[in-house]
PDB file of N, CA and C in Angstrom:
ATOM      1  N   MET A   1      88.349-137.308  79.297  1.00  0.00           N
ATOM      2  CA  MET A   1      88.112-136.522  78.531  1.00  0.00           C
ATOM      3  C   MET A   1      88.849-134.686  78.463  1.00  0.00           C
ATOM      4  N   GLU A   2      88.956-134.569  77.190  1.00  0.00           N
ATOM      5  CA  GLU A   2      89.935-133.229  77.593  1.00  0.00           C
ATOM      6  C   GLU A   2      88.811-131.525  77.888  1.00  0.00           C
ATOM      7  N   PHE A   3      88.577-131.310  78.807  1.00  0.00           N
ATOM      8  CA  PHE A   3      87.971-130.346  78.822  1.00  0.00           C
ATOM      9  C   PHE A   3      88.174-128.635  77.995  1.00  0.00           C
ATOM     10  N   ASN A   4      89.913-128.578  78.051  1.00  0.00           N
ATOM     11  CA  ASN A   4      90.412-127.514  77.574  1.00  0.00           C
ATOM     12  C   ASN A   4      90.596-127.007  75.565  1.00  0.00           C
ATOM     13  N   LEU A   5      89.900-125.957  75.408  1.00  0.00           N
ATOM     14  CA  LEU A   5      89.835-125.289  74.453  1.00  0.00           C
ATOM     15  C   LEU A   5      90.420-124.185  74.497  1.00  0.00           C
ATOM     16  N   ASP A   6      91.389-123.536  73.396  1.00  0.00           N
ATOM     17  CA  ASP A   6      92.430-122.270  73.854  1.00  0.00           C
ATOM     18  C   ASP A   6      91.299-121.449  73.877  1.00  0.00           C
ATOM     19  N   ASP A   7      91.833-120.244  74.836  1.00  0.00           N
ATOM     20  CA  ASP A   7      91.143-118.797  74.260  1.00  0.00           C
ATOM     21  C   ASP A   7      90.885-118.606  73.082  1.00  0.00           C
ATOM     22  N   MET A   8      90.872-118.870  71.874  1.00  0.00           N
ATOM     23  CA  MET A   8      90.182-117.793  70.772  1.00  0.00           C
ATOM     24  C   MET A   8      89.383-118.720  70.291  1.00  0.00           C
ATOM     25  N   SER A   9      89.118-120.400  70.844  1.00  0.00           N
ATOM     26  CA  SER A   9      87.989-121.205  70.179  1.00  0.00           C
ATOM     27  C   SER A   9      86.982-120.713  71.040  1.00  0.00           C
ATOM     28  N   LYS A  10      86.889-121.176  72.714  1.00  0.00           N
ATOM     29  CA  LYS A  10      86.394-120.278  73.573  1.00  0.00           C
ATOM     30  C   LYS A  10      85.611-118.902  73.259  1.00  0.00           C
ATOM     31  N   ALA A  11      86.773-117.813  73.024  1.00  0.00           N
ATOM     32  CA  ALA A  11      85.869-116.725  72.554  1.00  0.00           C
ATOM     33  C   ALA A  11      85.125-116.370  71.081  1.00  0.00           C
ATOM     34  N   LYS A  12      85.282-117.457  70.439  1.00  0.00           N
ATOM     35  CA  LYS A  12      84.484-117.201  69.223  1.00  0.00           C
ATOM     36  C   LYS A  12      82.995-117.898  69.587  1.00  0.00           C
ATOM     37  N   ILE A  13      82.864-119.428  70.399  1.00  0.00           N
ATOM     38  CA  ILE A  13      81.463-120.139  70.364  1.00  0.00           C
ATOM     39  C   ILE A  13      80.460-118.331  71.312  1.00  0.00           C
ATOM     40  N   VAL A  14      81.951-117.930  72.372  1.00  0.00           N
ATOM     41  CA  VAL A  14      80.475-116.889  72.582  1.00  0.00           C
ATOM     42  C   VAL A  14      80.212-115.685  71.744  1.00  0.00           C
ATOM     43  N   GLN A  15      81.069-115.337  71.024  1.00  0.00           N
ATOM     44  CA  GLN A  15      80.731-114.554  69.704  1.00  0.00           C
ATOM     45  C   GLN A  15      79.591-114.925  68.589  1.00  0.00           C
ATOM     46  N   LEU A  16      80.068-116.383  68.895  1.00  0.00           N
ATOM     47  CA  LEU A  16      78.604-117.193  67.983  1.00  0.00           C
ATOM     48  C   LEU A  16      77.364-116.846  68.751  1.00  0.00           C
ATOM     49  N   ILE A  17      77.540-117.306  69.887  1.00  0.00           N
ATOM     50  CA  ILE A  17      76.374-117.038  70.655  1.00  0.00           C
ATOM     51  C   ILE A  17      76.059-115.081  70.613  1.00  0.00           C
ATOM     52  N   LEU A  18      77.042-114.774  71.170  1.00  0.00           N
ATOM     53  CA  LEU A  18      76.124-112.762  70.589  1.00  0.00           C
ATOM     54  C   LEU A  18      75.731-112.882  69.278  1.00  0.00           C
ATOM     55  N   ASP A  19      76.355-113.240  68.256  1.00  0.00           N
ATOM     56  CA  ASP A  19      75.973-112.854  67.101  1.00  0.00           C
ATOM     57  C   ASP A  19      74.270-113.591  66.398  1.00  0.00           C
ATOM     58  N   LYS A  20      73.612-114.362  67.680  1.00  0.00           N
ATOM     59  CA  LYS A  20      72.945-114.985  67.420  1.00  0.00           C
ATOM     60  C   LYS A  20      73.039-116.407  66.552  1.00  0.00           C
ATOM     61  N   LYS A  21      73.914-117.020  66.555  1.00  0.00           N
ATOM     62  CA  LYS A  21      74.166-117.814  66.188  1.00  0.00           C
ATOM     63  C   LYS A  21      74.826-119.103  67.031  1.00  0.00           C
ATOM     64  N   THR A  22      73.658-119.254  68.147  1.00  0.00           N
ATOM     65  CA  THR A  22      73.516-120.172  69.252  1.00  0.00           C
ATOM     66  C   THR A  22      73.729-121.879  69.302  1.00  0.00           C
ATOM     67  N   GLU A  23      72.777-121.947  68.049  1.00  0.00           N
ATOM     68  CA  GLU A  23      72.597-123.776  67.437  1.00  0.00           C
ATOM     69  C   GLU A  23      73.785-124.011  66.923  1.00  0.00           C
ATOM     70  N   GLU A  24      74.789-122.754  66.106  1.00  0.00           N
ATOM     71  CA  GLU A  24      75.653-122.955  65.277  1.00  0.00           C
ATOM     72  C   GLU A  24      76.782-123.444  66.897  1.00  0.00           C
ATOM     73  N   ALA A  25      76.779-122.647  67.412  1.00  0.00           N
ATOM     74  CA  ALA A  25      78.031-122.579  68.888  1.00  0.00           C
ATOM     75  C   ALA A  25      77.633-123.990  69.573  1.00  0.00           C
ATOM     76  N   LEU A  26      76.598-124.596  69.687  1.00  0.00           N
ATOM     77  CA  LEU A  26      76.176-125.490  70.688  1.00  0.00           C
ATOM     78  C   LEU A  26      76.698-127.081  69.592  1.00  0.00           C
ATOM     79  N   PHE A  27      76.765-126.723  68.047  1.00  0.00           N
ATOM     80  CA  PHE A  27      77.384-127.645  67.449  1.00  0.00           C
ATOM     81  C   PHE A  27      78.286-127.626  67.589  1.00  0.00           C
ATOM     82  N   LYS A  28      79.224-126.743  66.945  1.00  0.00           N
ATOM     83  CA  LYS A  28      80.623-126.951  67.333  1.00  0.00           C
ATOM     84  C   LYS A  28      81.348-127.477  68.482  1.00  0.00           C
ATOM     85  N   LEU A  29      80.842-126.913  69.834  1.00  0.00           N
ATOM     86  CA  LEU A  29      80.899-127.446  70.743  1.00  0.00           C
ATOM     87  C   LEU A  29      80.608-129.046  71.216  1.00  0.00           C
ATOM     88  N   SER A  30      79.560-129.413  70.526  1.00  0.00           N
ATOM     89  CA  SER A  30      79.604-130.887  70.507  1.00  0.00           C
ATOM     90  C   SER A  30      79.963-131.218  69.871  1.00  0.00           C
ATOM     91  N   LYS A  31      81.023-131.268  68.766  1.00  0.00           N
ATOM     92  CA  LYS A  31      81.359-131.787  67.563  1.00  0.00           C
ATOM     93  C   LYS A  31      83.026-132.073  68.488  1.00  0.00           C
ATOM     94  N   TYR A  32      83.391-130.837  68.924  1.00  0.00           N
ATOM     95  CA  TYR A  32      85.129-130.935  70.065  1.00  0.00           C
ATOM     96  C   TYR A  32      84.386-132.035  71.026  1.00  0.00           C
ATOM     97  N   TYR A  33      83.362-132.259  71.392  1.00  0.00           N
ATOM     98  CA  TYR A  33      83.285-133.235  72.639  1.00  0.00           C
ATOM     99  C   TYR A  33      82.852-134.305  71.931  1.00  0.00           C
ATOM    100  N   SER A  34      82.813-134.171  70.505  1.00  0.00           N
ATOM    101  CA  SER A  34      82.054-136.017  70.173  1.00  0.00           C
ATOM    102  C   SER A  34      81.103-136.599  70.836  1.00  0.00           C
ATOM    103  N   ILE A  35      79.985-135.768  71.063  1.00  0.00           N
ATOM    104  CA  ILE A  35      79.006-136.111  71.521  1.00  0.00           C
ATOM    105  C   ILE A  35      77.815-135.240  70.497  1.00  0.00           C
ATOM    106  N   GLN A  36      76.487-135.502  70.618  1.00  0.00           N
ATOM    107  CA  GLN A  36      74.761-135.390  69.484  1.00  0.00           C
ATOM    108  C   GLN A  36      74.805-133.499  70.466  1.00  0.00           C
ATOM    109  N   PRO A  37      74.705-132.773  69.557  1.00  0.00           N
ATOM    110  CA  PRO A  37      74.217-131.418  70.229  1.00  0.00           C
ATOM    111  C   PRO A  37      72.896-131.290  70.768  1.00  0.00           C
ATOM    112  N   PRO A  38      73.072-130.867  72.088  1.00  0.00           N
ATOM    113  CA  PRO A  38      71.248-130.616  72.638  1.00  0.00           C
ATOM    114  C   PRO A  38      70.293-129.663  71.376  1.00  0.00           C
ATOM    115  N   GLN A  39      69.046-130.124  71.162  1.00  0.00           N
ATOM    116  CA  GLN A  39      68.209-128.917  70.912  1.00  0.00           C
ATOM    117  C   GLN A  39      68.325-128.041  71.712  1.00  0.00           C
ATOM    118  N   ILE A  40      68.185-126.674  71.519  1.00  0.00           N
ATOM    119  CA  ILE A  40      67.552-125.488  72.088  1.00  0.00           C
ATOM    120  C   ILE A  40      66.852-124.587  71.406  1.00  0.00           C
ATOM    121  N   VAL A  41      65.512-124.450  72.597  1.00  0.00           N
ATOM    122  CA  VAL A  41      64.084-123.705  71.862  1.00  0.00           C
ATOM    123  C   VAL A  41      63.727-122.817  73.522  1.00  0.00           C
ATOM    124  N   VAL A  42      63.107-121.548  72.875  1.00  0.00           N
ATOM    125  CA  VAL A  42      62.668-120.767  73.589  1.00  0.00           C
ATOM    126  C   VAL A  42      61.038-121.728  73.908  1.00  0.00           C
ATOM    127  N   GLY A  43      61.071-121.496  75.098  1.00  0.00           N
ATOM    128  CA  GLY A  43      59.550-122.207  75.498  1.00  0.00           C
ATOM    129  C   GLY A  43      60.194-122.259  77.841  1.00  0.00           C
ATOM    130  N   THR A  44      59.043-122.653  78.322  1.00  0.00           N
ATOM    131  CA  THR A  44      59.375-122.725  79.383  1.00  0.00           C
ATOM    132  C   THR A  44      58.687-124.801  79.562  1.00  0.00           C
ATOM    133  N   ILE A  45      59.359-125.241  80.990  1.00  0.00           N
ATOM    134  CA  ILE A  45      58.654-126.124  81.529  1.00  0.00           C
ATOM    135  C   ILE A  45      58.008-126.348  82.390  1.00  0.00           C
ATOM    136  N   LYS A  46      56.747-127.259  82.666  1.00  0.00           N
ATOM    137  CA  LYS A  46      56.049-126.969  83.932  1.00  0.00           C
ATOM    138  C   LYS A  46      56.693-127.289  85.554  1.00  0.00           C
ATOM    139  N   GLY A  47      56.109-126.465  86.130  1.00  0.00           N
ATOM    140  CA  GLY A  47      56.994-126.555  87.299  1.00  0.00           C
ATOM    141  C   GLY A  47      58.131-125.840  87.549  1.00  0.00           C
ATOM    142  N   LYS A  48      58.906-124.957  86.445  1.00  0.00           N
ATOM    143  CA  LYS A  48      60.183-124.192  85.997  1.00  0.00           C
ATOM    144  C   LYS A  48      59.637-122.948  85.938  1.00  0.00           C
ATOM    145  N   ARG A  49      58.981-122.614  85.817  1.00  0.00           N
ATOM    146  CA  ARG A  49      58.620-121.344  84.753  1.00  0.00           C
ATOM    147  C   ARG A  49      58.916-119.998  85.747  1.00  0.00           C
ATOM    148  N   ARG A  50      58.651-119.880  86.360  1.00  0.00           N
ATOM    149  CA  ARG A  50      58.691-118.801  87.417  1.00  0.00           C
ATOM    150  C   ARG A  50      60.470-118.688  88.172  1.00  0.00           C
ATOM    151  N   THR A  51      60.782-119.706  88.175  1.00  0.00           N
ATOM    152  CA  THR A  51      62.242-120.233  88.941  1.00  0.00           C
ATOM    153  C   THR A  51      63.446-120.311  88.073  1.00  0.00           C
ATOM    154  N   VAL A  52      63.354-120.040  86.907  1.00  0.00           N
ATOM    155  CA  VAL A  52      64.448-120.221  85.815  1.00  0.00           C
ATOM    156  C   VAL A  52      64.515-120.220  84.753  1.00  0.00           C
ATOM    157  N   TYR A  53      66.020-119.176  84.264  1.00  0.00           N
ATOM    158  CA  TYR A  53      65.604-118.823  83.231  1.00  0.00           C
ATOM    159  C   TYR A  53      66.494-119.623  81.932  1.00  0.00           C
ATOM    160  N   ALA A  54      66.640-120.382  82.478  1.00  0.00           N
ATOM    161  CA  ALA A  54      66.924-121.926  81.291  1.00  0.00           C
ATOM    162  C   ALA A  54      67.117-123.163  81.823  1.00  0.00           C
ATOM    163  N   VAL A  55      66.584-124.202  81.438  1.00  0.00           N
ATOM    164  CA  VAL A  55      66.736-125.649  82.422  1.00  0.00           C
ATOM    165  C   VAL A  55      67.094-126.236  81.033  1.00  0.00           C
ATOM    166  N   TYR A  56      68.464-127.478  81.406  1.00  0.00           N
ATOM    167  CA  TYR A  56      68.288-128.446  80.790  1.00  0.00           C
ATOM    168  C   TYR A  56      68.109-129.812  80.879  1.00  0.00           C
ATOM    169  N   VAL A  57      67.304-130.576  80.011  1.00  0.00           N
ATOM    170  CA  VAL A  57      65.863-131.492  79.915  1.00  0.00           C
ATOM    171  C   VAL A  57      66.878-132.990  79.887  1.00  0.00           C
ATOM    172  N   GLN A  58      67.526-133.493  80.686  1.00  0.00           N
ATOM    173  CA  GLN A  58      68.248-134.817  80.141  1.00  0.00           C
ATOM    174  C   GLN A  58      67.528-135.730  79.128  1.00  0.00           C
ATOM    175  N   ARG A  59      66.039-136.053  79.512  1.00  0.00           N
ATOM    176  CA  ARG A  59      65.445-137.162  78.905  1.00  0.00           C
ATOM    177  C   ARG A  59      65.514-136.629  77.115  1.00  0.00           C
ATOM    178  N   GLU A  60      65.033-135.693  77.525  1.00  0.00           N
ATOM    179  CA  GLU A  60      64.700-134.291  75.895  1.00  0.00           C
ATOM    180  C   GLU A  60      66.226-134.285  75.137  1.00  0.00           C
ATOM    181  N   SER A  61      67.409-133.993  75.738  1.00  0.00           N
ATOM    182  CA  SER A  61      68.570-133.651  75.340  1.00  0.00           C
ATOM    183  C   SER A  61      68.731-132.469  75.016  1.00  0.00           C
ATOM    184  N   LYS A  62      67.696-131.332  75.740  1.00  0.00           N
ATOM    185  CA  LYS A  62      67.313-129.797  75.279  1.00  0.00           C
ATOM    186  C   LYS A  62      67.174-128.954  76.169  1.00  0.00           C
ATOM    187  N   ILE A  63      67.292-128.146  75.849  1.00  0.00           N
ATOM    188  CA  ILE A  63      67.784-126.535  76.467  1.00  0.00           C
ATOM    189  C   ILE A  63      66.816-125.691  76.274  1.00  0.00           C
ATOM    190  N   TYR A  64      65.543-125.440  77.095  1.00  0.00           N
ATOM    191  CA  TYR A  64      64.627-124.762  77.332  1.00  0.00           C
ATOM    192  C   TYR A  64      65.321-123.201  77.396  1.00  0.00           C
ATOM    193  N   CYS A  65      65.270-121.918  77.092  1.00  0.00           N
ATOM    194  CA  CYS A  65      65.627-120.337  77.596  1.00  0.00           C
ATOM    195  C   CYS A  65      63.664-120.242  77.289  1.00  0.00           C
ATOM    196  N   ILE A  66      63.996-119.323  78.591  1.00  0.00           N
ATOM    197  CA  ILE A  66      62.509-118.389  79.335  1.00  0.00           C
ATOM    198  C   ILE A  66      62.074-117.202  78.083  1.00  0.00           C
ATOM    199  N   ASN A  67      63.319-116.989  77.398  1.00  0.00           N
ATOM    200  CA  ASN A  67      62.633-116.095  76.213  1.00  0.00           C
ATOM    201  C   ASN A  67      63.968-115.625  75.547  1.00  0.00           C
ATOM    202  N   SER A  68      64.401-114.824  74.468  1.00  0.00           N
ATOM    203  CA  SER A  68      65.175-114.520  73.469  1.00  0.00           C
ATOM    204  C   SER A  68      66.173-114.243  73.555  1.00  0.00           C
ATOM    205  N   ASP A  69      66.047-113.490  74.560  1.00  0.00           N
ATOM    206  CA  ASP A  69      67.162-112.896  75.236  1.00  0.00           C
ATOM    207  C   ASP A  69      67.913-114.166  75.684  1.00  0.00           C
ATOM    208  N   ILE A  70      67.485-114.743  76.878  1.00  0.00           N
ATOM    209  CA  ILE A  70      68.263-115.700  77.586  1.00  0.00           C
ATOM    210  C   ILE A  70      68.914-116.420  76.288  1.00  0.00           C
ATOM    211  N   PHE A  71      68.167-117.197  75.169  1.00  0.00           N
ATOM    212  CA  PHE A  71      68.634-117.849  73.713  1.00  0.00           C
ATOM    213  C   PHE A  71      70.215-117.536  73.576  1.00  0.00           C
ATOM    214  N   TYR A  72      70.199-116.184  73.573  1.00  0.00           N
ATOM    215  CA  TYR A  72      71.458-115.129  73.352  1.00  0.00           C
ATOM    216  C   TYR A  72      72.519-114.826  74.320  1.00  0.00           C
ATOM    217  N   ASN A  73      72.258-115.411  75.246  1.00  0.00           N
ATOM    218  CA  ASN A  73      72.784-114.995  76.446  1.00  0.00           C
ATOM    219  C   ASN A  73      74.119-115.970  76.548  1.00  0.00           C
ATOM    220  N   PRO A  74      75.923-115.621  76.294  1.00  0.00           N
ATOM    221  CA  PRO A  74      76.369-116.988  76.336  1.00  0.00           C
ATOM    222  C   PRO A  74      76.456-117.538  77.687  1.00  0.00           C
ATOM    223  N   PHE A  75      76.652-116.704  79.337  1.00  0.00           N
ATOM    224  CA  PHE A  75      76.717-117.529  80.237  1.00  0.00           C
ATOM    225  C   PHE A  75      75.841-118.393  80.398  1.00  0.00           C
ATOM    226  N   ILE A  76      74.444-118.281  80.250  1.00  0.00           N
ATOM    227  CA  ILE A  76      73.195-118.530  80.237  1.00  0.00           C
ATOM    228  C   ILE A  76      73.309-120.570  79.794  1.00  0.00           C
ATOM    229  N   VAL A  77      73.715-120.165  78.265  1.00  0.00           N
ATOM    230  CA  VAL A  77      73.387-121.509  77.464  1.00  0.00           C
ATOM    231  C   VAL A  77      75.119-122.571  77.606  1.00  0.00           C
ATOM    232  N   LEU A  78      76.147-121.343  78.098  1.00  0.00           N
ATOM    233  CA  LEU A  78      77.085-122.312  78.280  1.00  0.00           C
ATOM    234  C   LEU A  78      76.764-123.196  79.515  1.00  0.00           C
ATOM    235  N   HIS A  79      76.648-122.191  80.852  1.00  0.00           N
ATOM    236  CA  HIS A  79      75.883-123.206  81.903  1.00  0.00           C
ATOM    237  C   HIS A  79      75.190-124.353  81.290  1.00  0.00           C
ATOM    238  N   GLU A  80      74.096-123.833  80.700  1.00  0.00           N
ATOM    239  CA  GLU A  80      73.258-124.964  80.600  1.00  0.00           C
ATOM    240  C   GLU A  80      73.682-126.304  79.522  1.00  0.00           C
ATOM    241  N   PHE A  81      74.915-126.305  78.492  1.00  0.00           N
ATOM    242  CA  PHE A  81      75.350-126.797  77.902  1.00  0.00           C
ATOM    243  C   PHE A  81      76.229-127.838  78.194  1.00  0.00           C
ATOM    244  N   TYR A  82      76.866-127.102  79.807  1.00  0.00           N
ATOM    245  CA  TYR A  82      77.867-127.713  80.756  1.00  0.00           C
ATOM    246  C   TYR A  82      76.708-128.847  81.168  1.00  0.00           C
ATOM    247  N   HIS A  83      75.708-128.760  81.501  1.00  0.00           N
ATOM    248  CA  HIS A  83      74.605-130.455  82.266  1.00  0.00           C
ATOM    249  C   HIS A  83      74.752-131.237  80.800  1.00  0.00           C
ATOM    250  N   HIS A  84      74.659-130.855  79.378  1.00  0.00           N
ATOM    251  CA  HIS A  84      74.073-132.019  78.799  1.00  0.00           C
ATOM    252  C   HIS A  84      75.852-132.545  78.590  1.00  0.00           C
ATOM    253  N   LEU A  85      76.907-131.872  78.658  1.00  0.00           N
ATOM    254  CA  LEU A  85      77.880-132.369  78.072  1.00  0.00           C
ATOM    255  C   LEU A  85      78.212-133.378  79.406  1.00  0.00           C
ATOM    256  N   ARG A  86      77.879-132.770  80.424  1.00  0.00           N
ATOM    257  CA  ARG A  86      78.267-133.909  81.738  1.00  0.00           C
ATOM    258  C   ARG A  86      77.115-135.146  81.701  1.00  0.00           C
ATOM    259  N   THR A  87      76.282-134.583  81.514  1.00  0.00           N
ATOM    260  CA  THR A  87      75.193-136.077  80.995  1.00  0.00           C
ATOM    261  C   THR A  87      75.571-137.471  80.132  1.00  0.00           C
ATOM    262  N   HIS A  88      75.892-136.666  78.965  1.00  0.00           N
ATOM    263  CA  HIS A  88      76.563-137.392  77.016  1.00  0.00           C
ATOM    264  C   HIS A  88      77.960-137.909  77.455  1.00  0.00           C
ATOM    265  N   ALA A  89      78.550-137.100  77.899  1.00  0.00           N
ATOM    266  CA  ALA A  89      79.893-137.445  77.999  1.00  0.00           C
ATOM    267  C   ALA A  89      80.410-138.480  78.964  1.00  0.00           C
ATOM    268  N   GLY A  90      79.563-139.160  80.121  1.00  0.00           N
ATOM    269  CA  GLY A  90      80.265-139.502  81.014  1.00  0.00           C
ATOM    270  C   GLY A  90      81.306-138.619  82.573  1.00  0.00           C
ATOM    271  N   ILE A  91      80.933-137.494  82.162  1.00  0.00           N
ATOM    272  CA  ILE A  91      81.048-136.610  83.266  1.00  0.00           C
ATOM    273  C   ILE A  91      80.678-136.725  84.516  1.00  0.00           C
ATOM    274  N   HIS A  92      81.338-136.673  85.556  1.00  0.00           N
ATOM    275  CA  HIS A  92      80.750-136.439  86.688  1.00  0.00           C
ATOM    276  C   HIS A  92      81.093-135.434  87.633  1.00  0.00           C
ATOM    277  N   ARG A  93      81.209-134.562  87.392  1.00  0.00           N
ATOM    278  CA  ARG A  93      81.454-132.857  87.814  1.00  0.00           C
ATOM    279  C   ARG A  93      80.190-132.299  87.503  1.00  0.00           C
ATOM    280  N   GLY A  94      78.781-132.534  88.174  1.00  0.00           N
ATOM    281  CA  GLY A  94      77.830-132.387  87.043  1.00  0.00           C
ATOM    282  C   GLY A  94      77.047-131.025  88.419  1.00  0.00           C
ATOM    283  N   SER A  95      78.124-130.402  89.346  1.00  0.00           N
ATOM    284  CA  SER A  95      77.474-129.216  90.105  1.00  0.00           C
ATOM    285  C   SER A  95      76.884-127.687  89.453  1.00  0.00           C
ATOM    286  N   GLU A  96      76.353-126.928  89.830  1.00  0.00           N
ATOM    287  CA  GLU A  96      75.754-125.483  89.582  1.00  0.00           C
ATOM    288  C   GLU A  96      77.093-125.055  89.661  1.00  0.00           C
ATOM    289  N   LYS A  97      78.212-125.299  90.938  1.00  0.00           N
ATOM    290  CA  LYS A  97      79.424-124.478  90.701  1.00  0.00           C
ATOM    291  C   LYS A  97      79.998-125.015  89.388  1.00  0.00           C
ATOM    292  N   HIS A  98      80.186-126.300  88.966  1.00  0.00           N
ATOM    293  CA  HIS A  98      81.054-126.735  88.096  1.00  0.00           C
ATOM    294  C   HIS A  98      80.254-126.028  86.845  1.00  0.00           C
ATOM    295  N   ALA A  99      78.851-126.007  86.646  1.00  0.00           N
ATOM    296  CA  ALA A  99      78.780-125.434  85.371  1.00  0.00           C
ATOM    297  C   ALA A  99      78.999-124.328  84.903  1.00  0.00           C
ATOM    298  N   ASN A 100      78.776-123.197  86.647  1.00  0.00           N
ATOM    299  CA  ASN A 100      79.225-122.378  86.124  1.00  0.00           C
ATOM    300  C   ASN A 100      80.334-121.511  86.022  1.00  0.00           C
ATOM    301  N   GLN A 101      81.332-122.624  86.498  1.00  0.00           N
ATOM    302  CA  GLN A 101      82.611-122.263  86.359  1.00  0.00           C
ATOM    303  C   GLN A 101      82.873-122.325  84.721  1.00  0.00           C
ATOM    304  N   TYR A 102      82.765-123.900  84.383  1.00  0.00           N
ATOM    305  CA  TYR A 102      82.941-124.290  83.072  1.00  0.00           C
ATOM    306  C   TYR A 102      82.541-122.534  82.146  1.00  0.00           C
ATOM    307  N   ALA A 103      81.293-121.693  82.202  1.00  0.00           N
ATOM    308  CA  ALA A 103      80.862-120.781  81.405  1.00  0.00           C
ATOM    309  C   ALA A 103      81.375-119.804  81.799  1.00  0.00           C
ATOM    310  N   LYS A 104      81.780-119.474  82.795  1.00  0.00           N
ATOM    311  CA  LYS A 104      83.020-118.378  83.373  1.00  0.00           C
ATOM    312  C   LYS A 104      83.739-118.711  82.621  1.00  0.00           C
ATOM    313  N   ASP A 105      84.895-119.645  82.059  1.00  0.00           N
ATOM    314  CA  ASP A 105      86.129-119.982  81.468  1.00  0.00           C
ATOM    315  C   ASP A 105      86.269-119.106  79.924  1.00  0.00           C
ATOM    316  N   PHE A 106      84.760-119.631  79.504  1.00  0.00           N
ATOM    317  CA  PHE A 106      84.433-118.959  78.349  1.00  0.00           C
ATOM    318  C   PHE A 106      84.753-117.307  78.228  1.00  0.00           C
ATOM    319  N   ILE A 107      83.599-116.806  79.187  1.00  0.00           N
ATOM    320  CA  ILE A 107      83.501-115.315  78.899  1.00  0.00           C
ATOM    321  C   ILE A 107      84.780-115.059  79.107  1.00  0.00           C
ATOM    322  N   ASN A 108      85.329-115.091  80.058  1.00  0.00           N
ATOM    323  CA  ASN A 108      87.239-115.038  80.458  1.00  0.00           C
ATOM    324  C   ASN A 108      87.982-115.086  79.328  1.00  0.00           C
ATOM    325  N   SER A 109      87.684-115.609  78.782  1.00  0.00           N
ATOM    326  CA  SER A 109      88.649-116.356  77.535  1.00  0.00           C
ATOM    327  C   SER A 109      88.323-114.860  76.284  1.00  0.00           C
ATOM    328  N   TYR A 110      86.983-114.932  76.032  1.00  0.00           N
ATOM    329  CA  TYR A 110      86.149-113.684  75.200  1.00  0.00           C
ATOM    330  C   TYR A 110      86.715-112.260  75.729  1.00  0.00           C
ATOM    331  N   ASN A 111      86.944-112.570  77.271  1.00  0.00           N
ATOM    332  CA  ASN A 111      87.554-110.934  77.435  1.00  0.00           C
ATOM    333  C   ASN A 111      88.636-110.804  77.086  1.00  0.00           C
ATOM    334  N   ARG A 112      89.506-112.011  77.459  1.00  0.00           N
ATOM    335  CA  ARG A 112      90.865-112.003  77.342  1.00  0.00           C
ATOM    336  C   ARG A 112      91.358-111.463  75.708  1.00  0.00           C
ATOM    337  N   VAL A 113      90.566-112.260  74.536  1.00  0.00           N
ATOM    338  CA  VAL A 113      90.801-111.911  73.297  1.00  0.00           C
ATOM    339  C   VAL A 113      90.245-110.836  72.712  1.00  0.00           C
ATOM    340  N   ASN A 114      88.828-110.461  73.126  1.00  0.00           N
ATOM    341  CA  ASN A 114      88.633-108.961  72.894  1.00  0.00           C
ATOM    342  C   ASN A 114      88.501-108.652  71.316  1.00  0.00           C
ATOM    343  N   PHE A 115      88.016-109.469  71.030  1.00  0.00           N
ATOM    344  CA  PHE A 115      87.416-108.778  69.584  1.00  0.00           C
ATOM    345  C   PHE A 115      87.510-107.521  68.842  1.00  0.00           C
ATOM    346  N   SER A 116      87.105-106.474  70.023  1.00  0.00           N
ATOM    347  CA  SER A 116      87.411-105.053  69.284  1.00  0.00           C
ATOM    348  C   SER A 116      88.051-104.502  68.865  1.00  0.00           C
ATOM    349  N   GLU A 117      89.445-105.246  69.303  1.00  0.00           N
ATOM    350  CA  GLU A 117      90.558-104.225  68.747  1.00  0.00           C
ATOM    351  C   GLU A 117      90.718-104.145  67.841  1.00  0.00           C
TER     352      GLU A 117
END
């Protein structure tokens, strides 16, 4: 499976999340990887309420964000999407380190493209 989107594509995904179009961003990413998009909601999971900002629940294919600020945070959303991708695309590099790197790659691309110019 190819994990390489170009900088512009990654930057557009980040911009969608910043523009409060998180579901659209996840839909586009899922389409690219040919998987079903995860649901994303504001809410918490029992036992995780104080320890995390967001969590991906595999059995539900759902990302839970603790509040609306997190729902629109590209780093956290992309980190959790990586867990969804790993689960549904058969990718076995599912550590927190790899999820962080996946999200950082998108943020770095966004910074390189710099839409403000």
